[in-house]
Protein backbone atom coordinates (compact mmCIF):
# COMPACT_ATOMS: atom_id res chain seq x y z
CA MET A 1 -24.51 20.05 4.49
CA SER A 2 -22.85 16.76 3.59
CA SER A 3 -20.47 15.29 6.15
CA ALA A 4 -18.59 13.22 3.54
CA HIS A 5 -14.82 13.46 3.60
CA PRO A 6 -13.62 15.37 0.50
CA LEU A 7 -11.60 12.33 -0.57
CA THR A 8 -14.64 10.04 -0.62
CA ASP A 9 -17.41 12.24 -1.99
CA ASN A 10 -16.98 10.82 -5.49
CA GLU A 11 -18.32 7.27 -5.85
CA ILE A 12 -16.02 6.64 -8.80
CA THR A 13 -12.93 6.92 -6.60
CA THR A 14 -14.32 5.20 -3.52
CA ILE A 15 -13.59 1.60 -2.63
CA ASN A 16 -16.46 0.00 -0.72
CA PHE A 17 -15.23 -3.02 1.20
CA ARG A 18 -16.92 -4.95 4.00
CA GLY A 19 -19.39 -2.12 4.56
CA HIS A 20 -16.71 0.56 4.80
CA ALA A 21 -15.83 3.41 2.42
CA PHE A 22 -12.14 3.87 1.65
CA ALA A 23 -10.47 6.60 -0.39
CA PRO A 24 -7.64 5.28 -2.61
CA LEU A 25 -4.95 7.84 -3.39
CA VAL A 26 -3.00 8.13 -6.60
CA SER A 27 0.15 7.52 -4.55
CA GLY A 28 -1.00 4.00 -3.68
CA ALA A 29 -2.12 4.80 -0.14
CA LEU A 30 -5.63 4.03 1.10
CA TYR A 31 -7.40 6.43 3.46
CA TRP A 32 -10.08 5.18 5.87
CA PRO A 33 -12.09 8.30 6.80
CA ALA A 34 -14.20 6.62 9.50
CA HIS A 35 -11.03 5.92 11.47
CA GLU A 36 -8.94 8.84 10.19
CA THR A 37 -6.37 6.22 9.25
CA LEU A 38 -3.94 6.03 6.33
CA LEU A 39 -2.99 2.55 5.11
CA VAL A 40 0.22 1.98 3.16
CA ALA A 41 1.82 -1.27 2.02
CA ASP A 42 5.35 -2.27 1.07
CA LEU A 43 7.36 0.91 1.65
CA HIS A 44 10.60 -1.07 1.22
CA LEU A 45 12.63 1.69 2.85
CA GLU A 46 16.40 1.39 2.36
CA LYS A 47 16.01 -0.84 -0.69
CA MET A 48 18.58 1.02 -2.78
CA SER A 49 21.10 1.26 0.07
CA SER A 50 20.68 -2.49 0.54
CA PHE A 51 21.55 -3.00 -3.12
CA ALA A 52 24.49 -0.61 -2.78
CA ARG A 53 25.94 -2.67 0.08
CA SER A 54 25.84 -5.72 -2.18
CA GLY A 55 27.89 -3.92 -4.81
CA GLN A 56 25.12 -2.60 -7.07
CA LEU A 57 25.82 1.09 -7.62
CA LEU A 58 22.34 2.56 -7.44
CA PRO A 59 21.41 6.00 -6.01
CA PRO A 60 20.15 5.47 -2.42
CA TYR A 61 17.47 8.17 -2.46
CA ASP A 62 14.35 6.00 -2.36
CA THR A 63 13.82 6.27 1.40
CA ALA A 64 13.71 10.06 1.32
CA MET A 65 11.35 10.02 -1.69
CA THR A 66 8.99 7.55 -0.01
CA LEU A 67 8.92 9.49 3.26
CA GLU A 68 8.23 12.73 1.39
CA ARG A 69 5.29 11.05 -0.34
CA LEU A 70 4.04 9.73 2.99
CA GLU A 71 4.28 13.12 4.69
CA ARG A 72 2.34 14.66 1.82
CA ASP A 73 -0.44 12.06 2.06
CA ILE A 74 -0.74 12.51 5.82
CA ALA A 75 -1.13 16.25 5.31
CA LEU A 76 -3.62 15.75 2.45
CA THR A 77 -5.88 13.41 4.38
CA GLY A 78 -5.45 14.82 7.86
CA ALA A 79 -4.84 11.26 9.05
CA ARG A 80 -4.45 10.76 12.79
CA LYS A 81 -3.11 7.22 12.39
CA VAL A 82 -0.93 5.29 9.95
CA ILE A 83 -0.91 1.52 9.55
CA ALA A 84 1.98 0.19 7.46
CA LEU A 85 1.04 -3.24 6.10
CA GLY A 86 4.46 -4.89 6.27
CA ASP A 87 7.71 -4.83 4.29
CA SER A 88 8.21 -1.28 5.48
CA PHE A 89 11.94 -2.01 5.20
CA HIS A 90 13.53 -3.90 2.34
CA ARG A 91 15.69 -5.89 4.74
CA ASP A 92 15.26 -6.55 8.43
CA GLU A 93 18.39 -4.53 9.22
CA GLY A 94 17.02 -1.53 7.34
CA ALA A 95 15.75 0.10 10.52
CA ASP A 96 19.31 0.13 11.83
CA THR A 97 20.98 1.45 8.67
CA LEU A 98 18.74 4.49 8.14
CA PRO A 99 20.60 7.76 7.51
CA ASP A 100 20.26 10.16 10.44
CA ALA A 101 18.00 12.55 8.50
CA GLU A 102 15.52 9.82 7.57
CA ARG A 103 15.57 8.36 11.08
CA VAL A 104 14.64 11.77 12.45
CA ARG A 105 11.82 12.11 9.92
CA ILE A 106 10.34 8.73 10.84
CA CYS A 107 10.60 9.33 14.58
CA ARG A 108 8.96 12.74 14.13
CA LEU A 109 6.06 11.09 12.32
CA THR A 110 5.63 8.25 14.82
CA GLY A 111 5.85 10.75 17.66
CA THR A 112 3.16 12.97 16.15
CA ILE A 113 0.39 10.53 15.20
CA ASP A 114 -0.55 6.96 16.10
CA TRP A 115 1.49 4.46 14.12
CA VAL A 116 1.31 0.70 13.60
CA TRP A 117 4.03 -1.32 11.85
CA LEU A 118 2.83 -4.74 10.69
CA ALA A 119 5.52 -7.38 10.19
CA GLY A 120 6.24 -8.46 6.63
CA ASN A 121 8.37 -11.20 5.14
CA HIS A 122 11.21 -8.70 4.58
CA ASP A 123 11.04 -7.05 8.02
CA PRO A 124 9.64 -9.40 10.66
CA SER A 125 11.45 -7.99 13.70
CA VAL A 126 10.54 -5.31 16.23
CA HIS A 127 12.43 -2.02 15.90
CA ARG A 128 12.79 1.18 17.92
CA LEU A 129 11.41 3.84 15.62
CA GLY A 130 8.27 4.52 17.61
CA GLY A 131 4.79 3.17 17.11
CA LEU A 132 3.48 -0.34 17.68
CA CYS A 133 5.08 -3.36 16.00
CA THR A 134 2.77 -6.36 15.56
CA SER A 135 1.88 -9.09 13.07
CA GLU A 136 -1.71 -8.12 12.30
CA ILE A 137 -4.51 -5.97 13.63
CA SER A 138 -8.32 -6.09 13.45
CA VAL A 139 -10.33 -2.92 12.92
CA SER A 140 -14.12 -2.82 12.58
CA GLY A 141 -14.41 -6.29 11.11
CA CYS A 142 -11.38 -5.98 8.83
CA VAL A 143 -8.14 -7.88 9.39
CA LEU A 144 -5.05 -5.91 8.39
CA ARG A 145 -1.94 -8.01 7.69
CA HIS A 146 0.95 -8.22 5.27
CA GLU A 147 0.24 -11.33 3.21
CA PRO A 148 -3.14 -12.22 1.71
CA VAL A 149 -4.40 -15.74 2.36
CA LEU A 150 -6.66 -18.16 0.55
CA GLY A 151 -10.21 -18.06 1.88
CA ALA A 152 -9.68 -14.62 3.41
CA GLN A 153 -12.61 -12.97 5.15
CA GLY A 154 -12.32 -9.20 5.36
CA VAL A 155 -8.52 -9.07 4.91
CA ILE A 156 -6.68 -5.93 3.78
CA ALA A 157 -3.12 -6.76 2.74
CA GLY A 158 -0.13 -5.90 0.58
CA HIS A 159 2.85 -8.15 -0.28
CA LEU A 160 2.02 -8.94 -3.92
CA HIS A 161 2.56 -5.44 -5.41
CA PRO A 162 -0.47 -5.73 -7.73
CA ALA A 163 -0.49 -4.18 -11.19
CA ALA A 164 -2.84 -4.40 -14.16
CA ARG A 165 -1.91 -4.48 -17.83
CA ILE A 166 -4.68 -2.79 -19.78
CA ALA A 167 -5.24 -3.30 -23.50
CA MET A 168 -7.03 -0.65 -25.54
CA ASN A 169 -6.99 0.38 -29.21
CA GLY A 170 -4.22 -2.05 -30.08
CA LYS A 171 -1.90 -0.82 -27.32
CA SER A 172 -1.34 -1.79 -23.71
CA THR A 173 -0.03 -0.15 -20.57
CA ARG A 174 0.80 -1.54 -17.15
CA ARG A 175 0.03 0.35 -13.95
CA PRO A 176 0.00 -0.45 -10.21
CA CYS A 177 -3.51 -1.03 -8.91
CA PHE A 178 -5.86 -1.67 -6.02
CA VAL A 179 -7.64 -5.00 -6.44
CA TRP A 180 -10.48 -6.41 -4.34
CA ASP A 181 -13.59 -8.55 -4.08
CA GLU A 182 -16.06 -8.98 -1.23
CA ASN A 183 -13.49 -10.62 1.07
CA LEU A 184 -9.99 -9.46 0.16
CA LEU A 185 -8.45 -6.08 -0.68
CA ILE A 186 -4.80 -5.79 -1.78
CA LEU A 187 -2.98 -2.47 -1.93
CA PRO A 188 -0.28 -1.57 -4.47
CA ALA A 189 3.28 -1.16 -3.26
CA TYR A 190 3.87 2.36 -1.91
CA GLY A 191 7.68 2.57 -1.96
CA ALA A 192 9.48 4.73 -4.52
CA SER A 193 11.61 1.81 -5.78
CA THR A 194 9.24 -1.13 -5.78
CA GLY A 195 8.30 -3.41 -8.65
CA SER A 196 4.88 -4.85 -9.46
CA LEU A 197 3.18 -8.13 -10.37
CA ASN A 198 0.38 -8.59 -12.89
CA ILE A 199 -2.84 -9.55 -11.12
CA LEU A 200 -3.42 -12.22 -13.81
CA SER A 201 -0.23 -14.03 -12.76
CA GLU A 202 -0.25 -17.33 -10.87
CA ALA A 203 0.65 -15.60 -7.59
CA PHE A 204 -2.91 -14.24 -7.43
CA GLY A 205 -4.52 -17.54 -8.37
CA GLY A 206 -7.47 -18.50 -6.18
CA LEU A 207 -7.28 -15.40 -3.99
CA PHE A 208 -10.27 -13.62 -5.51
CA ASN A 209 -13.81 -14.36 -6.59
CA ARG A 210 -13.47 -13.56 -10.28
CA ALA A 211 -17.17 -12.72 -10.57
CA ARG A 212 -16.79 -10.01 -7.90
CA LEU A 213 -13.31 -8.78 -8.77
CA GLN A 214 -12.77 -5.02 -9.04
CA VAL A 215 -9.69 -3.17 -10.18
CA MET A 216 -8.65 0.46 -9.82
CA VAL A 217 -5.38 1.52 -11.47
CA MET A 218 -3.13 4.43 -10.58
CA GLY A 219 -2.77 6.97 -13.37
CA ARG A 220 -0.36 9.88 -13.30
CA ASP A 221 -2.76 12.23 -11.58
CA ARG A 222 -5.96 10.25 -10.98
CA LEU A 223 -7.37 6.76 -10.48
CA TYR A 224 -9.33 4.72 -13.02
CA ARG A 225 -11.68 1.77 -12.64
CA VAL A 226 -10.90 -0.90 -15.21
CA GLY A 227 -13.21 -3.55 -16.65
CA LEU A 228 -11.90 -7.10 -16.47
CA ASN A 229 -12.31 -7.47 -20.23
CA ARG A 230 -9.49 -4.92 -20.63
CA LEU A 231 -6.94 -6.91 -18.63
CA VAL A 232 -4.18 -8.88 -20.34
CA ARG A 233 -1.19 -10.86 -19.16
CA GLY A 234 2.37 -9.61 -19.28
């Protein structure tokens, strides 16, 4: 009987990086079966409430939506650990302005399974929501951090909110994506109210070996590998 995790038994939807098999989820999370660990990047919790405090009248429901998605993915994968790859809060004070219900949900999660919060450019400070707060962490030859760096070796990161615009049959569509080569893997933004950046934009310049670049986009209910010849700017 095969011992493969049900989320990684299909080669089409497996990301192989640095000798490890990862299962990307349609939500934008990445599950690491060998370590029973769920990776998520750029939750940007409390983004809408941050906008509301600056006078922009937007419904502040994104935190609850993101946490519901996260709870669902933890249940789906059976993860025993979560590593949040930075910008978990949209502003550094977001951990202090959480509504009581969402604070309880987060503390329940961090009190139930192992949890690591990596510092991002939006949320660099330590908070008191449970789990470990640190800048980066190394696991089995992979370095997990918020921002990708030039010349990376085995780095798994977020920060850039990657998306791919795909052209086909005279039409194009833009979707968040996982993007990687032999040395760097960048996750899409996980938060319910996050934007995205085309992987052909200047922000990604020099980060990847174009000859080894691979892209997997998030569809509505499944993931799709995309050939580089299908990618367009915009």
